[in-house]
Amino acid sequence: MGLECKKNGTVFLFYLSGELDHHSCIPIREELDKVICHYHVKRVIFDFSAVSFMDSAGIGLLLGRYREIAKFGGKCVILCESEKIKKILQMGSVQLVMPIVETKQEAYEKLGGTENGTI
C-alpha cells in the first residue's frame, strides 16, 4: 500500500495505491493523522484510482479520518473509478458522509471549487 500527499490550494489530495487492508491501514492512518492534525485539513480528496483491493479496515480508515476532518468543519470526497472498490464503499455506506465521484473535476466541484482555482 502506498500513500502520497499533495496540496493544491486549500485542498489536500491523498493518493492511495495497492491493497488497503488491516495490515496496511495502520501506517497509512498514522501518516494521514499527522498531516490532518498538523495542517488542520478542511478539504480532502481521497484518490482511490490506484487501489486494487480494500476490505472493512479501509472503510474504518476513511470514516475515522472523516471524523477528524469534520472536527475542523471540513469536507471529504472519494475519487474512485473502480466498480469493485465503489461497491465495497457503498456496502459500508461511506457515500452517506462522503460523496464518491469518478473524476477530479467532480471532486473539486463537490468541495466548492475547481481543480485550477483555489477554494
N, C-alpha and C. Protein backbone atom coordinates (compact mmCIF):
# COMPACT_ATOMS: atom_id res chain seq x y z
N MET A 1 0.85 -1.18 0.00
CA MET A 1 0.00 0.00 0.00
C MET A 1 0.88 1.22 0.00
N GLY A 2 0.49 2.19 -0.78
CA GLY A 2 1.24 3.42 -0.83
C GLY A 2 0.35 4.61 -0.54
N LEU A 3 0.97 5.68 -0.06
CA LEU A 3 0.28 6.93 0.20
C LEU A 3 1.15 8.07 -0.26
N GLU A 4 0.54 8.97 -1.02
CA GLU A 4 1.22 10.19 -1.45
C GLU A 4 0.29 11.34 -1.12
N CYS A 5 0.84 12.36 -0.48
CA CYS A 5 0.04 13.54 -0.10
C CYS A 5 0.49 14.73 -0.92
N LYS A 6 -0.49 15.44 -1.48
CA LYS A 6 -0.21 16.66 -2.23
C LYS A 6 -1.21 17.72 -1.80
N LYS A 7 -0.82 18.98 -1.97
CA LYS A 7 -1.71 20.08 -1.63
C LYS A 7 -1.90 20.93 -2.87
N ASN A 8 -3.15 21.27 -3.16
CA ASN A 8 -3.49 22.13 -4.29
C ASN A 8 -4.40 23.23 -3.74
N GLY A 9 -3.84 24.40 -3.50
CA GLY A 9 -4.62 25.46 -2.87
C GLY A 9 -4.96 25.06 -1.45
N THR A 10 -6.24 25.00 -1.15
CA THR A 10 -6.67 24.59 0.19
C THR A 10 -7.10 23.12 0.23
N VAL A 11 -6.90 22.41 -0.86
CA VAL A 11 -7.31 21.01 -0.95
C VAL A 11 -6.10 20.09 -0.79
N PHE A 12 -6.25 19.11 0.09
CA PHE A 12 -5.25 18.07 0.23
C PHE A 12 -5.71 16.86 -0.57
N LEU A 13 -4.80 16.33 -1.39
CA LEU A 13 -5.09 15.13 -2.17
C LEU A 13 -4.28 14.00 -1.57
N PHE A 14 -4.97 12.96 -1.15
CA PHE A 14 -4.32 11.77 -0.61
C PHE A 14 -4.48 10.65 -1.63
N TYR A 15 -3.37 10.34 -2.32
CA TYR A 15 -3.36 9.29 -3.33
C TYR A 15 -3.02 7.96 -2.65
N LEU A 16 -3.93 7.03 -2.71
CA LEU A 16 -3.70 5.70 -2.13
C LEU A 16 -3.51 4.71 -3.26
N SER A 17 -2.64 3.72 -3.04
CA SER A 17 -2.40 2.72 -4.08
C SER A 17 -2.16 1.36 -3.46
N GLY A 18 -2.41 0.33 -4.25
CA GLY A 18 -2.19 -1.04 -3.81
C GLY A 18 -3.36 -1.58 -3.01
N GLU A 19 -3.05 -2.42 -2.01
CA GLU A 19 -4.08 -3.06 -1.21
C GLU A 19 -4.28 -2.31 0.11
N LEU A 20 -5.53 -2.04 0.43
CA LEU A 20 -5.87 -1.33 1.66
C LEU A 20 -6.57 -2.33 2.58
N ASP A 21 -5.77 -2.95 3.47
CA ASP A 21 -6.32 -3.96 4.38
C ASP A 21 -5.84 -3.68 5.80
N HIS A 22 -6.14 -4.60 6.71
CA HIS A 22 -5.83 -4.41 8.12
C HIS A 22 -4.35 -4.05 8.35
N HIS A 23 -3.46 -4.74 7.68
CA HIS A 23 -2.02 -4.53 7.90
C HIS A 23 -1.54 -3.21 7.31
N SER A 24 -2.01 -2.86 6.15
CA SER A 24 -1.53 -1.63 5.51
C SER A 24 -2.19 -0.38 6.07
N CYS A 25 -3.35 -0.52 6.70
CA CYS A 25 -4.08 0.65 7.22
C CYS A 25 -3.37 1.34 8.38
N ILE A 26 -2.63 0.59 9.17
CA ILE A 26 -2.01 1.18 10.37
C ILE A 26 -1.03 2.29 10.01
N PRO A 27 -0.01 2.05 9.17
CA PRO A 27 0.91 3.15 8.85
C PRO A 27 0.23 4.25 8.03
N ILE A 28 -0.74 3.90 7.20
CA ILE A 28 -1.46 4.91 6.41
C ILE A 28 -2.23 5.82 7.36
N ARG A 29 -2.94 5.24 8.32
CA ARG A 29 -3.71 6.02 9.29
C ARG A 29 -2.80 6.97 10.07
N GLU A 30 -1.66 6.48 10.51
CA GLU A 30 -0.73 7.30 11.28
C GLU A 30 -0.25 8.50 10.46
N GLU A 31 0.10 8.26 9.21
CA GLU A 31 0.57 9.35 8.34
C GLU A 31 -0.54 10.36 8.05
N LEU A 32 -1.73 9.85 7.72
CA LEU A 32 -2.86 10.75 7.46
C LEU A 32 -3.17 11.60 8.68
N ASP A 33 -3.19 10.99 9.86
CA ASP A 33 -3.50 11.73 11.08
C ASP A 33 -2.48 12.83 11.35
N LYS A 34 -1.20 12.56 11.07
CA LYS A 34 -0.17 13.59 11.24
C LYS A 34 -0.46 14.80 10.37
N VAL A 35 -0.74 14.54 9.10
CA VAL A 35 -1.00 15.63 8.15
C VAL A 35 -2.28 16.37 8.52
N ILE A 36 -3.35 15.63 8.79
CA ILE A 36 -4.64 16.24 9.10
C ILE A 36 -4.55 17.12 10.34
N CYS A 37 -3.92 16.62 11.39
CA CYS A 37 -3.83 17.39 12.63
C CYS A 37 -2.85 18.55 12.52
N HIS A 38 -1.73 18.34 11.87
CA HIS A 38 -0.73 19.40 11.75
C HIS A 38 -1.24 20.59 10.95
N TYR A 39 -1.93 20.31 9.85
CA TYR A 39 -2.39 21.38 8.96
C TYR A 39 -3.85 21.76 9.16
N HIS A 40 -4.53 21.13 10.11
CA HIS A 40 -5.97 21.36 10.32
C HIS A 40 -6.71 21.30 8.99
N VAL A 41 -6.52 20.20 8.31
CA VAL A 41 -7.05 19.98 6.97
C VAL A 41 -8.58 20.09 6.97
N LYS A 42 -9.10 20.86 6.00
CA LYS A 42 -10.55 21.05 5.90
C LYS A 42 -11.15 20.53 4.60
N ARG A 43 -10.34 20.35 3.58
CA ARG A 43 -10.86 19.88 2.29
C ARG A 43 -9.94 18.78 1.78
N VAL A 44 -10.55 17.60 1.55
CA VAL A 44 -9.75 16.43 1.19
C VAL A 44 -10.37 15.67 0.03
N ILE A 45 -9.50 15.22 -0.86
CA ILE A 45 -9.87 14.25 -1.88
C ILE A 45 -9.06 13.00 -1.60
N PHE A 46 -9.75 11.91 -1.31
CA PHE A 46 -9.11 10.60 -1.19
C PHE A 46 -9.17 9.97 -2.57
N ASP A 47 -8.02 9.84 -3.22
CA ASP A 47 -7.96 9.29 -4.58
C ASP A 47 -7.69 7.78 -4.51
N PHE A 48 -8.70 7.00 -4.87
CA PHE A 48 -8.61 5.55 -4.83
C PHE A 48 -8.37 4.96 -6.23
N SER A 49 -7.94 5.77 -7.17
CA SER A 49 -7.74 5.32 -8.55
C SER A 49 -6.78 4.14 -8.66
N ALA A 50 -5.80 4.08 -7.78
CA ALA A 50 -4.79 3.03 -7.87
C ALA A 50 -4.94 1.97 -6.77
N VAL A 51 -6.07 1.94 -6.08
CA VAL A 51 -6.31 0.92 -5.06
C VAL A 51 -6.85 -0.33 -5.75
N SER A 52 -6.17 -1.46 -5.52
CA SER A 52 -6.56 -2.71 -6.19
C SER A 52 -7.42 -3.61 -5.31
N PHE A 53 -7.34 -3.42 -3.98
CA PHE A 53 -8.13 -4.23 -3.05
C PHE A 53 -8.40 -3.40 -1.81
N MET A 54 -9.58 -3.61 -1.23
CA MET A 54 -9.93 -2.92 0.01
C MET A 54 -10.88 -3.79 0.79
N ASP A 55 -10.72 -3.83 2.12
CA ASP A 55 -11.66 -4.54 2.96
C ASP A 55 -12.24 -3.58 4.00
N SER A 56 -12.88 -4.10 5.02
CA SER A 56 -13.55 -3.25 6.00
C SER A 56 -12.58 -2.35 6.76
N ALA A 57 -11.32 -2.74 6.85
CA ALA A 57 -10.33 -1.88 7.50
C ALA A 57 -10.17 -0.57 6.73
N GLY A 58 -10.28 -0.63 5.42
CA GLY A 58 -10.21 0.58 4.60
C GLY A 58 -11.39 1.49 4.86
N ILE A 59 -12.56 0.92 5.05
CA ILE A 59 -13.75 1.71 5.37
C ILE A 59 -13.56 2.39 6.72
N GLY A 60 -13.06 1.65 7.69
CA GLY A 60 -12.78 2.22 9.00
C GLY A 60 -11.77 3.34 8.93
N LEU A 61 -10.74 3.16 8.11
CA LEU A 61 -9.74 4.20 7.92
C LEU A 61 -10.38 5.48 7.40
N LEU A 62 -11.20 5.36 6.37
CA LEU A 62 -11.86 6.53 5.79
C LEU A 62 -12.79 7.22 6.78
N LEU A 63 -13.63 6.45 7.44
CA LEU A 63 -14.60 7.04 8.36
C LEU A 63 -13.91 7.71 9.55
N GLY A 64 -12.84 7.13 10.02
CA GLY A 64 -12.08 7.75 11.11
C GLY A 64 -11.46 9.06 10.70
N ARG A 65 -10.90 9.12 9.49
CA ARG A 65 -10.31 10.37 9.00
C ARG A 65 -11.40 11.41 8.76
N TYR A 66 -12.55 10.95 8.26
CA TYR A 66 -13.67 11.86 8.05
C TYR A 66 -14.05 12.54 9.37
N ARG A 67 -14.13 11.76 10.45
CA ARG A 67 -14.48 12.33 11.76
C ARG A 67 -13.48 13.39 12.18
N GLU A 68 -12.19 13.14 11.96
CA GLU A 68 -11.17 14.11 12.32
C GLU A 68 -11.31 15.39 11.50
N ILE A 69 -11.54 15.26 10.22
CA ILE A 69 -11.66 16.42 9.34
C ILE A 69 -12.94 17.19 9.64
N ALA A 70 -14.01 16.48 9.97
CA ALA A 70 -15.28 17.13 10.31
C ALA A 70 -15.14 17.97 11.58
N LYS A 71 -14.23 17.61 12.48
CA LYS A 71 -13.99 18.41 13.69
C LYS A 71 -13.59 19.83 13.33
N PHE A 72 -12.90 19.99 12.21
CA PHE A 72 -12.46 21.30 11.75
C PHE A 72 -13.47 21.94 10.79
N GLY A 73 -14.65 21.33 10.66
CA GLY A 73 -15.66 21.84 9.74
C GLY A 73 -15.36 21.49 8.30
N GLY A 74 -14.60 20.44 8.08
CA GLY A 74 -14.15 20.10 6.73
C GLY A 74 -15.05 19.16 5.97
N LYS A 75 -14.65 18.93 4.72
CA LYS A 75 -15.37 18.06 3.79
C LYS A 75 -14.39 17.08 3.15
N CYS A 76 -14.89 15.91 2.83
CA CYS A 76 -14.10 14.89 2.14
C CYS A 76 -14.86 14.38 0.93
N VAL A 77 -14.11 14.02 -0.09
CA VAL A 77 -14.66 13.40 -1.30
C VAL A 77 -13.77 12.22 -1.65
N ILE A 78 -14.38 11.17 -2.17
CA ILE A 78 -13.63 10.00 -2.61
C ILE A 78 -13.66 9.94 -4.13
N LEU A 79 -12.48 9.89 -4.72
CA LEU A 79 -12.34 9.74 -6.17
C LEU A 79 -12.08 8.27 -6.45
N CYS A 80 -13.01 7.63 -7.14
CA CYS A 80 -12.91 6.19 -7.37
C CYS A 80 -13.57 5.82 -8.69
N GLU A 81 -12.81 5.21 -9.57
CA GLU A 81 -13.34 4.76 -10.86
C GLU A 81 -13.68 3.28 -10.85
N SER A 82 -13.06 2.51 -9.99
CA SER A 82 -13.24 1.06 -9.95
C SER A 82 -14.61 0.68 -9.40
N GLU A 83 -15.36 -0.07 -10.18
CA GLU A 83 -16.68 -0.51 -9.73
C GLU A 83 -16.56 -1.44 -8.52
N LYS A 84 -15.52 -2.25 -8.51
CA LYS A 84 -15.30 -3.19 -7.41
C LYS A 84 -15.08 -2.43 -6.09
N ILE A 85 -14.23 -1.42 -6.11
CA ILE A 85 -13.95 -0.64 -4.90
C ILE A 85 -15.17 0.20 -4.52
N LYS A 86 -15.85 0.77 -5.52
CA LYS A 86 -17.08 1.54 -5.23
C LYS A 86 -18.11 0.69 -4.52
N LYS A 87 -18.24 -0.54 -4.96
CA LYS A 87 -19.22 -1.44 -4.35
C LYS A 87 -18.89 -1.69 -2.88
N ILE A 88 -17.62 -1.87 -2.57
CA ILE A 88 -17.20 -2.06 -1.18
C ILE A 88 -17.51 -0.81 -0.36
N LEU A 89 -17.21 0.36 -0.92
CA LEU A 89 -17.51 1.62 -0.23
C LEU A 89 -19.01 1.77 0.02
N GLN A 90 -19.80 1.42 -0.97
CA GLN A 90 -21.26 1.54 -0.84
C GLN A 90 -21.81 0.53 0.16
N MET A 91 -21.25 -0.67 0.21
CA MET A 91 -21.69 -1.66 1.20
C MET A 91 -21.42 -1.16 2.61
N GLY A 92 -20.39 -0.36 2.78
CA GLY A 92 -20.06 0.23 4.07
C GLY A 92 -20.77 1.56 4.31
N SER A 93 -21.66 1.95 3.39
CA SER A 93 -22.44 3.20 3.47
C SER A 93 -21.58 4.46 3.57
N VAL A 94 -20.37 4.40 3.05
CA VAL A 94 -19.46 5.54 3.08
C VAL A 94 -20.04 6.74 2.34
N GLN A 95 -20.81 6.47 1.27
CA GLN A 95 -21.37 7.56 0.46
C GLN A 95 -22.36 8.42 1.24
N LEU A 96 -22.80 7.97 2.39
CA LEU A 96 -23.71 8.77 3.22
C LEU A 96 -23.01 9.97 3.86
N VAL A 97 -21.69 9.89 4.03
CA VAL A 97 -20.95 11.00 4.63
C VAL A 97 -19.93 11.63 3.68
N MET A 98 -19.52 10.89 2.65
CA MET A 98 -18.56 11.40 1.68
C MET A 98 -19.01 11.04 0.28
N PRO A 99 -19.17 12.02 -0.59
CA PRO A 99 -19.55 11.69 -1.97
C PRO A 99 -18.46 10.85 -2.64
N ILE A 100 -18.89 9.95 -3.50
CA ILE A 100 -17.98 9.14 -4.32
C ILE A 100 -18.13 9.62 -5.76
N VAL A 101 -17.04 10.09 -6.34
CA VAL A 101 -17.08 10.64 -7.70
C VAL A 101 -16.06 9.91 -8.57
N GLU A 102 -16.17 10.13 -9.90
CA GLU A 102 -15.31 9.42 -10.85
C GLU A 102 -14.23 10.29 -11.48
N THR A 103 -14.30 11.61 -11.31
CA THR A 103 -13.28 12.48 -11.91
C THR A 103 -12.79 13.51 -10.89
N LYS A 104 -11.56 13.99 -11.12
CA LYS A 104 -11.02 15.03 -10.25
C LYS A 104 -11.87 16.29 -10.30
N GLN A 105 -12.35 16.63 -11.49
CA GLN A 105 -13.17 17.83 -11.63
C GLN A 105 -14.42 17.73 -10.75
N GLU A 106 -15.07 16.58 -10.77
CA GLU A 106 -16.24 16.38 -9.90
C GLU A 106 -15.86 16.51 -8.43
N ALA A 107 -14.71 15.98 -8.08
CA ALA A 107 -14.25 16.04 -6.68
C ALA A 107 -14.08 17.49 -6.25
N TYR A 108 -13.40 18.29 -7.08
CA TYR A 108 -13.22 19.70 -6.74
C TYR A 108 -14.55 20.44 -6.68
N GLU A 109 -15.46 20.13 -7.58
CA GLU A 109 -16.77 20.78 -7.56
C GLU A 109 -17.53 20.46 -6.28
N LYS A 110 -17.44 19.21 -5.80
CA LYS A 110 -18.11 18.81 -4.56
C LYS A 110 -17.54 19.58 -3.36
N LEU A 111 -16.27 19.98 -3.49
CA LEU A 111 -15.63 20.75 -2.41
C LEU A 111 -15.85 22.26 -2.57
N GLY A 112 -16.53 22.64 -3.64
CA GLY A 112 -16.87 24.04 -3.83
C GLY A 112 -15.92 24.84 -4.67
N GLY A 113 -15.11 24.21 -5.51
CA GLY A 113 -14.16 24.96 -6.34
C GLY A 113 -13.82 24.20 -7.60
N THR A 114 -12.70 24.58 -8.20
CA THR A 114 -12.23 23.91 -9.41
C THR A 114 -10.79 23.47 -9.21
N GLU A 115 -10.38 22.51 -10.01
CA GLU A 115 -9.03 21.99 -9.90
C GLU A 115 -7.98 23.06 -10.17
N ASN A 116 -8.27 23.99 -11.06
CA ASN A 116 -7.30 25.02 -11.42
C ASN A 116 -7.37 26.27 -10.55
N GLY A 117 -8.43 26.38 -9.76
CA GLY A 117 -8.58 27.55 -8.92
C GLY A 117 -8.57 27.19 -7.46
N THR A 118 -8.43 28.18 -6.63
CA THR A 118 -8.44 27.91 -5.20
C THR A 118 -9.87 27.92 -4.68
N ILE A 119 -10.04 27.29 -3.59
CA ILE A 119 -11.36 27.20 -2.97
C ILE A 119 -11.44 28.17 -1.82
